[in-house]
Every structure is written in C-alpha cells, then in structure tokens.
Amino acid sequence: MSKIVIVYHSGYGHTKKAAESVLAGALEAGADARLLPVGEIDDAAWAELAAADAIIFGAPTYMGGPSADFKKFADASSKPWLEQAWKDKIAAGFTNSATMNGDKFATIQYFVTLAMQHGMIWAGTGMMPSNTKAATRDDLNYVGGSTGLLTQSPADASPEEAPPAGDLETARMFGARVAAVTARWIAAAH
C-alpha cells in the first residue's frame, strides 16, 4: 500500500475542500493517505513526508502564485532538499482561485519546480478537458488542468458552496490517479 501525504494551505476553506476530495480519491484507490495542513508541520510531519511514497502539494492561487503560507513550507523544505529525502517520490499538485484562470498555472508551475528541485517524479491529471459546446460547469476537468488539478470558487462563495461538484469530482479522480501512479512506481521499483 502506497503512502501519500497531501500537504496544503487553505486560506478560506475552499482549497481544503479540494484537498479532502483529493484525499477521498486516493483512499478509494487503496492508498494510505492523509491531509497535512502546512500550519501543522513539526518534526513528526517532516519525518512523515520523508517516509511518504508521494507528496501532493496544494495551495490557493493568490496574486498569481501560491499563498505565502505554502511558500513558507516550501522554503522550509530546504533541509529535506539538502538530504535528498524526497528524491524519486511521486509529486503532484492542485490549486484553487476565485476566477477560472487567475494565473493558476503559475502556482502549478511553482509546485513542479519545487518537485524538480527535490528530484521528484511529477504526475499530472491524466484527464482530457471538458471543452465542447455541450460541456457544463459540473463536467470533469471543466477548468482544464493537465499539469495539475485546477478548481475554482467564486470570491463571494463560501466553502459550502464552492468549489462546484464537477471540480470536486475531478479532485477525487485526481487523487485516485496519483494513487495509481504511485502504486505503479513502487511496483516498478521492486
């Protein structure tokens, strides 16, 4: 059974809701997975990240990049980086913002760069976008993420209202995909 840690920051609860859906998908796919808010990082959490087979990064996109709280965690990962503690682990990422675009890709690219500096192996969504005239907001991958999971929550919507059902289902399937990719990676290594 692969061990997956979803390390994330959520400013208002919307990104946490997406993280919970990613977790549900990973668990349904048979992974030993858990959420780790960046505000709860301690020595035991660093050890858990070092022991994980996969780490999924998550943060809201604020002003065209990941939140400062997530960046503080990323900067603190220099000690595991120096020890190459995350080398060859699977990495993936997700973000939420108030607009459909909101420069979300800059946040995903930040996660990719962080993973590459740690020597990790990146896993994207593996999903086609919903890009036909018949597509609705509740279709899978409506926001169209390939490199990472993208969700959207209107600025005036509570976490009970957003992200919408289609984004949360996309998040669930993304969690399942990362679990499957991780299981294949572990099997290939043995």
C-alpha atoms as a PDB file:
ATOM      1  CA  MET A   1       0.000   0.000   0.000  1.00  0.00           C
ATOM      2  CA  SER A   2       1.439   3.348  -1.024  1.00  0.00           C
ATOM      3  CA  LYS A   3       1.683   6.181   1.466  1.00  0.00           C
ATOM      4  CA  ILE A   4       0.551   9.597   0.216  1.00  0.00           C
ATOM      5  CA  VAL A   5       0.709  12.882   2.110  1.00  0.00           C
ATOM      6  CA  ILE A   6      -1.337  15.823   0.858  1.00  0.00           C
ATOM      7  CA  VAL A   7       0.408  18.905   2.221  1.00  0.00           C
ATOM      8  CA  TYR A   8      -1.649  22.035   1.671  1.00  0.00           C
ATOM      9  CA  HIS A   9      -2.656  25.518   2.768  1.00  0.00           C
ATOM     10  CA  SER A  10      -6.202  26.846   2.622  1.00  0.00           C
ATOM     11  CA  GLY A  11      -6.936  30.459   3.431  1.00  0.00           C
ATOM     12  CA  TYR A  12     -10.736  30.371   3.447  1.00  0.00           C
ATOM     13  CA  GLY A  13     -11.610  26.665   3.283  1.00  0.00           C
ATOM     14  CA  HIS A  14     -12.071  26.211  -0.469  1.00  0.00           C
ATOM     15  CA  THR A  15      -8.656  24.634  -1.052  1.00  0.00           C
ATOM     16  CA  LYS A  16      -9.207  22.419   1.997  1.00  0.00           C
ATOM     17  CA  LYS A  17     -12.427  21.180   0.407  1.00  0.00           C
ATOM     18  CA  ALA A  18     -10.500  20.323  -2.777  1.00  0.00           C
ATOM     19  CA  ALA A  19      -7.804  18.621  -0.653  1.00  0.00           C
ATOM     20  CA  GLU A  20     -10.465  16.495   1.049  1.00  0.00           C
ATOM     21  CA  SER A  21     -11.723  15.333  -2.355  1.00  0.00           C
ATOM     22  CA  VAL A  22      -8.171  14.501  -3.475  1.00  0.00           C
ATOM     23  CA  LEU A  23      -7.799  12.518  -0.239  1.00  0.00           C
ATOM     24  CA  ALA A  24     -11.073  10.652  -0.835  1.00  0.00           C
ATOM     25  CA  GLY A  25      -9.905   9.567  -4.284  1.00  0.00           C
ATOM     26  CA  ALA A  26      -6.516   8.401  -3.003  1.00  0.00           C
ATOM     27  CA  LEU A  27      -8.164   6.411  -0.206  1.00  0.00           C
ATOM     28  CA  GLU A  28     -10.716   4.869  -2.587  1.00  0.00           C
ATOM     29  CA  ALA A  29      -7.819   3.780  -4.815  1.00  0.00           C
ATOM     30  CA  GLY A  30      -6.275   1.899  -1.879  1.00  0.00           C
ATOM     31  CA  ALA A  31      -3.562   4.308  -0.755  1.00  0.00           C
ATOM     32  CA  ASP A  32      -2.701   5.074   2.843  1.00  0.00           C
ATOM     33  CA  ALA A  33      -3.256   8.814   2.541  1.00  0.00           C
ATOM     34  CA  ARG A  34      -3.701  11.775   4.832  1.00  0.00           C
ATOM     35  CA  LEU A  35      -4.011  15.536   4.836  1.00  0.00           C
ATOM     36  CA  LEU A  36      -1.270  17.683   6.348  1.00  0.00           C
ATOM     37  CA  PRO A  37      -2.029  21.409   6.669  1.00  0.00           C
ATOM     38  CA  VAL A  38       1.165  23.471   6.381  1.00  0.00           C
ATOM     39  CA  GLY A  39       0.353  25.103   9.722  1.00  0.00           C
ATOM     40  CA  GLU A  40       0.775  21.720  11.441  1.00  0.00           C
ATOM     41  CA  ILE A  41       4.285  20.933  10.187  1.00  0.00           C
ATOM     42  CA  ASP A  42       6.517  19.746  13.022  1.00  0.00           C
ATOM     43  CA  ASP A  43       9.389  17.261  13.307  1.00  0.00           C
ATOM     44  CA  ALA A  44       6.993  14.300  13.117  1.00  0.00           C
ATOM     45  CA  ALA A  45       5.385  15.754   9.982  1.00  0.00           C
ATOM     46  CA  TRP A  46       8.786  16.201   8.306  1.00  0.00           C
ATOM     47  CA  ALA A  47       9.539  12.540   9.111  1.00  0.00           C
ATOM     48  CA  GLU A  48       6.174  11.524   7.660  1.00  0.00           C
ATOM     49  CA  LEU A  49       6.911  13.427   4.455  1.00  0.00           C
ATOM     50  CA  ALA A  50      10.301  11.687   4.238  1.00  0.00           C
ATOM     51  CA  ALA A  51       8.577   8.298   4.619  1.00  0.00           C
ATOM     52  CA  ALA A  52       5.853   9.015   2.040  1.00  0.00           C
ATOM     53  CA  ASP A  53       5.851   7.464  -1.413  1.00  0.00           C
ATOM     54  CA  ALA A  54       4.086  10.514  -2.855  1.00  0.00           C
ATOM     55  CA  ILE A  55       3.554  14.111  -1.812  1.00  0.00           C
ATOM     56  CA  ILE A  56       0.726  16.169  -3.263  1.00  0.00           C
ATOM     57  CA  PHE A  57       1.116  19.932  -2.901  1.00  0.00           C
ATOM     58  CA  GLY A  58      -1.931  22.173  -2.629  1.00  0.00           C
ATOM     59  CA  ALA A  59      -2.440  25.903  -2.170  1.00  0.00           C
ATOM     60  CA  PRO A  60      -4.746  28.661  -3.280  1.00  0.00           C
ATOM     61  CA  THR A  61      -3.515  30.955  -6.004  1.00  0.00           C
ATOM     62  CA  TYR A  62      -3.173  34.439  -4.554  1.00  0.00           C
ATOM     63  CA  MET A  63      -1.882  37.293  -6.717  1.00  0.00           C
ATOM     64  CA  GLY A  64      -0.613  34.884  -9.381  1.00  0.00           C
ATOM     65  CA  GLY A  65       1.198  32.360  -7.201  1.00  0.00           C
ATOM     66  CA  PRO A  66       0.890  30.045  -4.210  1.00  0.00           C
ATOM     67  CA  SER A  67      -0.070  31.516  -0.851  1.00  0.00           C
ATOM     68  CA  ALA A  68       2.666  32.862   1.421  1.00  0.00           C
ATOM     69  CA  ASP A  69       1.863  30.163   3.988  1.00  0.00           C
ATOM     70  CA  PHE A  70       2.583  27.444   1.428  1.00  0.00           C
ATOM     71  CA  LYS A  71       5.753  29.213   0.273  1.00  0.00           C
ATOM     72  CA  LYS A  72       6.950  29.294   3.876  1.00  0.00           C
ATOM     73  CA  PHE A  73       6.592  25.496   3.974  1.00  0.00           C
ATOM     74  CA  ALA A  74       8.370  25.181   0.611  1.00  0.00           C
ATOM     75  CA  ASP A  75      11.255  27.348   1.831  1.00  0.00           C
ATOM     76  CA  ALA A  76      11.484  25.230   4.990  1.00  0.00           C
ATOM     77  CA  SER A  77      11.838  22.117   2.808  1.00  0.00           C
ATOM     78  CA  SER A  78      15.461  23.063   2.167  1.00  0.00           C
ATOM     79  CA  LYS A  79      16.612  20.622   4.863  1.00  0.00           C
ATOM     80  CA  PRO A  80      14.934  17.606   3.173  1.00  0.00           C
ATOM     81  CA  TRP A  81      16.255  19.007  -0.128  1.00  0.00           C
ATOM     82  CA  LEU A  82      19.812  19.038   1.202  1.00  0.00           C
ATOM     83  CA  GLU A  83      19.394  15.417   2.322  1.00  0.00           C
ATOM     84  CA  GLN A  84      17.559  14.478  -0.926  1.00  0.00           C
ATOM     85  CA  ALA A  85      14.862  12.984   1.326  1.00  0.00           C
ATOM     86  CA  TRP A  86      12.140  13.339  -1.313  1.00  0.00           C
ATOM     87  CA  LYS A  87      14.172  12.154  -4.308  1.00  0.00           C
ATOM     88  CA  ASP A  88      12.258   9.768  -6.596  1.00  0.00           C
ATOM     89  CA  LYS A  89       8.952  10.209  -4.758  1.00  0.00           C
ATOM     90  CA  ILE A  90       5.860  10.922  -6.847  1.00  0.00           C
ATOM     91  CA  ALA A  91       4.765  14.568  -6.727  1.00  0.00           C
ATOM     92  CA  ALA A  92       1.562  16.266  -7.867  1.00  0.00           C
ATOM     93  CA  GLY A  93      -0.262  19.495  -7.148  1.00  0.00           C
ATOM     94  CA  PHE A  94      -3.531  21.392  -7.110  1.00  0.00           C
ATOM     95  CA  THR A  95      -4.753  24.936  -6.687  1.00  0.00           C
ATOM     96  CA  ASN A  96      -7.961  26.921  -6.336  1.00  0.00           C
ATOM     97  CA  SER A  97      -8.696  30.561  -7.112  1.00  0.00           C
ATOM     98  CA  ALA A  98     -11.711  32.820  -7.461  1.00  0.00           C
ATOM     99  CA  THR A  99     -11.519  33.123 -11.239  1.00  0.00           C
ATOM    100  CA  MET A 100     -11.476  30.475 -13.938  1.00  0.00           C
ATOM    101  CA  ASN A 101      -7.882  31.360 -14.809  1.00  0.00           C
ATOM    102  CA  GLY A 102      -6.452  33.622 -12.124  1.00  0.00           C
ATOM    103  CA  ASP A 103      -2.959  32.633 -13.255  1.00  0.00           C
ATOM    104  CA  LYS A 104      -3.421  29.233 -11.599  1.00  0.00           C
ATOM    105  CA  PHE A 105      -0.775  27.747 -13.872  1.00  0.00           C
ATOM    106  CA  ALA A 106       1.878  29.882 -12.173  1.00  0.00           C
ATOM    107  CA  THR A 107       1.059  28.094  -8.900  1.00  0.00           C
ATOM    108  CA  ILE A 108       1.169  24.663 -10.547  1.00  0.00           C
ATOM    109  CA  GLN A 109       4.487  25.586 -12.189  1.00  0.00           C
ATOM    110  CA  TYR A 110       5.799  26.619  -8.759  1.00  0.00           C
ATOM    111  CA  PHE A 111       4.887  23.150  -7.452  1.00  0.00           C
ATOM    112  CA  VAL A 112       6.569  21.483 -10.455  1.00  0.00           C
ATOM    113  CA  THR A 113       9.750  23.484  -9.857  1.00  0.00           C
ATOM    114  CA  LEU A 114       9.696  22.622  -6.150  1.00  0.00           C
ATOM    115  CA  ALA A 115       9.284  18.936  -7.011  1.00  0.00           C
ATOM    116  CA  MET A 116      12.071  19.029  -9.609  1.00  0.00           C
ATOM    117  CA  GLN A 117      14.451  20.674  -7.146  1.00  0.00           C
ATOM    118  CA  HIS A 118      13.717  17.800  -4.772  1.00  0.00           C
ATOM    119  CA  GLY A 119      14.345  15.253  -7.560  1.00  0.00           C
ATOM    120  CA  MET A 120      10.733  14.057  -7.536  1.00  0.00           C
ATOM    121  CA  ILE A 121       8.695  12.478 -10.346  1.00  0.00           C
ATOM    122  CA  TRP A 122       5.724  14.659 -11.421  1.00  0.00           C
ATOM    123  CA  ALA A 123       2.250  13.219 -12.110  1.00  0.00           C
ATOM    124  CA  GLY A 124      -0.347  15.330 -13.929  1.00  0.00           C
ATOM    125  CA  THR A 125      -4.100  14.875 -14.045  1.00  0.00           C
ATOM    126  CA  GLY A 126      -4.189  12.429 -16.953  1.00  0.00           C
ATOM    127  CA  MET A 127      -7.606  13.853 -17.873  1.00  0.00           C
ATOM    128  CA  MET A 128      -8.988  15.361 -21.030  1.00  0.00           C
ATOM    129  CA  PRO A 129     -10.593  18.786 -20.571  1.00  0.00           C
ATOM    130  CA  SER A 130     -14.320  19.366 -20.944  1.00  0.00           C
ATOM    131  CA  ASN A 131     -14.025  21.621 -23.964  1.00  0.00           C
ATOM    132  CA  THR A 132     -17.114  21.119 -26.089  1.00  0.00           C
ATOM    133  CA  LYS A 133     -20.151  23.365 -26.554  1.00  0.00           C
ATOM    134  CA  ALA A 134     -22.171  20.819 -24.577  1.00  0.00           C
ATOM    135  CA  ALA A 135     -19.843  20.987 -21.552  1.00  0.00           C
ATOM    136  CA  THR A 136     -21.304  22.241 -18.289  1.00  0.00           C
ATOM    137  CA  ARG A 137     -19.655  23.635 -15.168  1.00  0.00           C
ATOM    138  CA  ASP A 138     -20.172  20.295 -13.408  1.00  0.00           C
ATOM    139  CA  ASP A 139     -18.310  18.245 -16.013  1.00  0.00           C
ATOM    140  CA  LEU A 140     -14.980  16.627 -15.207  1.00  0.00           C
ATOM    141  CA  ASN A 141     -11.935  18.833 -15.663  1.00  0.00           C
ATOM    142  CA  TYR A 142     -14.010  21.811 -16.788  1.00  0.00           C
ATOM    143  CA  VAL A 143     -11.228  24.203 -15.731  1.00  0.00           C
ATOM    144  CA  GLY A 144      -8.890  22.202 -17.987  1.00  0.00           C
ATOM    145  CA  GLY A 145      -5.865  21.260 -15.880  1.00  0.00           C
ATOM    146  CA  SER A 146      -3.297  18.847 -17.299  1.00  0.00           C
ATOM    147  CA  THR A 147      -0.146  19.567 -15.321  1.00  0.00           C
ATOM    148  CA  GLY A 148      -2.118  19.799 -12.080  1.00  0.00           C
ATOM    149  CA  LEU A 149      -5.621  19.923 -10.679  1.00  0.00           C
ATOM    150  CA  LEU A 150      -7.373  23.282 -11.062  1.00  0.00           C
ATOM    151  CA  THR A 151     -10.507  24.224  -9.122  1.00  0.00           C
ATOM    152  CA  GLN A 152     -12.474  27.456  -8.945  1.00  0.00           C
ATOM    153  CA  SER A 153     -14.505  29.105  -6.194  1.00  0.00           C
ATOM    154  CA  PRO A 154     -16.217  32.486  -6.741  1.00  0.00           C
ATOM    155  CA  ALA A 155     -14.880  35.165  -4.384  1.00  0.00           C
ATOM    156  CA  ASP A 156     -18.275  35.551  -2.729  1.00  0.00           C
ATOM    157  CA  ALA A 157     -18.953  31.796  -2.333  1.00  0.00           C
ATOM    158  CA  SER A 158     -18.499  30.012   0.982  1.00  0.00           C
ATOM    159  CA  PRO A 159     -16.664  26.660   1.169  1.00  0.00           C
ATOM    160  CA  GLU A 160     -20.110  25.069   1.477  1.00  0.00           C
ATOM    161  CA  GLU A 161     -20.945  26.479  -1.977  1.00  0.00           C
ATOM    162  CA  ALA A 162     -17.677  26.020  -3.847  1.00  0.00           C
ATOM    163  CA  PRO A 163     -15.699  24.531  -5.475  1.00  0.00           C
ATOM    164  CA  PRO A 164     -18.589  23.076  -7.512  1.00  0.00           C
ATOM    165  CA  ALA A 165     -19.426  19.387  -7.719  1.00  0.00           C
ATOM    166  CA  GLY A 166     -17.618  18.879 -11.036  1.00  0.00           C
ATOM    167  CA  ASP A 167     -14.378  20.304  -9.644  1.00  0.00           C
ATOM    168  CA  LEU A 168     -14.666  18.143  -6.532  1.00  0.00           C
ATOM    169  CA  GLU A 169     -15.259  15.029  -8.633  1.00  0.00           C
ATOM    170  CA  THR A 170     -12.254  15.999 -10.749  1.00  0.00           C
ATOM    171  CA  ALA A 171     -10.266  16.321  -7.496  1.00  0.00           C
ATOM    172  CA  ARG A 172     -11.418  12.876  -6.371  1.00  0.00           C
ATOM    173  CA  MET A 173     -10.358  11.328  -9.676  1.00  0.00           C
ATOM    174  CA  PHE A 174      -7.036  13.201  -9.485  1.00  0.00           C
ATOM    175  CA  GLY A 175      -6.381  11.680  -6.041  1.00  0.00           C
ATOM    176  CA  ALA A 176      -7.151   8.229  -7.437  1.00  0.00           C
ATOM    177  CA  ARG A 177      -4.792   8.838 -10.367  1.00  0.00           C
ATOM    178  CA  VAL A 178      -1.918   9.893  -8.122  1.00  0.00           C
ATOM    179  CA  ALA A 179      -2.518   6.780  -6.005  1.00  0.00           C
ATOM    180  CA  ALA A 180      -2.456   4.569  -9.124  1.00  0.00           C
ATOM    181  CA  VAL A 181       0.689   6.238 -10.492  1.00  0.00           C
ATOM    182  CA  THR A 182       2.375   5.838  -7.106  1.00  0.00           C
ATOM    183  CA  ALA A 183       1.427   2.150  -6.886  1.00  0.00           C
ATOM    184  CA  ARG A 184       2.848   1.545 -10.387  1.00  0.00           C
ATOM    185  CA  TRP A 185       6.041   3.442  -9.491  1.00  0.00           C
ATOM    186  CA  ILE A 186       6.502   1.370  -6.323  1.00  0.00           C
ATOM    187  CA  ALA A 187       5.827  -1.903  -8.179  1.00  0.00           C
ATOM    188  CA  ALA A 188       8.326  -0.996 -10.911  1.00  0.00           C
ATOM    189  CA  ALA A 189      10.988  -0.280  -8.305  1.00  0.00           C
ATOM    190  CA  HIS A 190      10.707  -3.753  -6.842  1.00  0.00           C
END
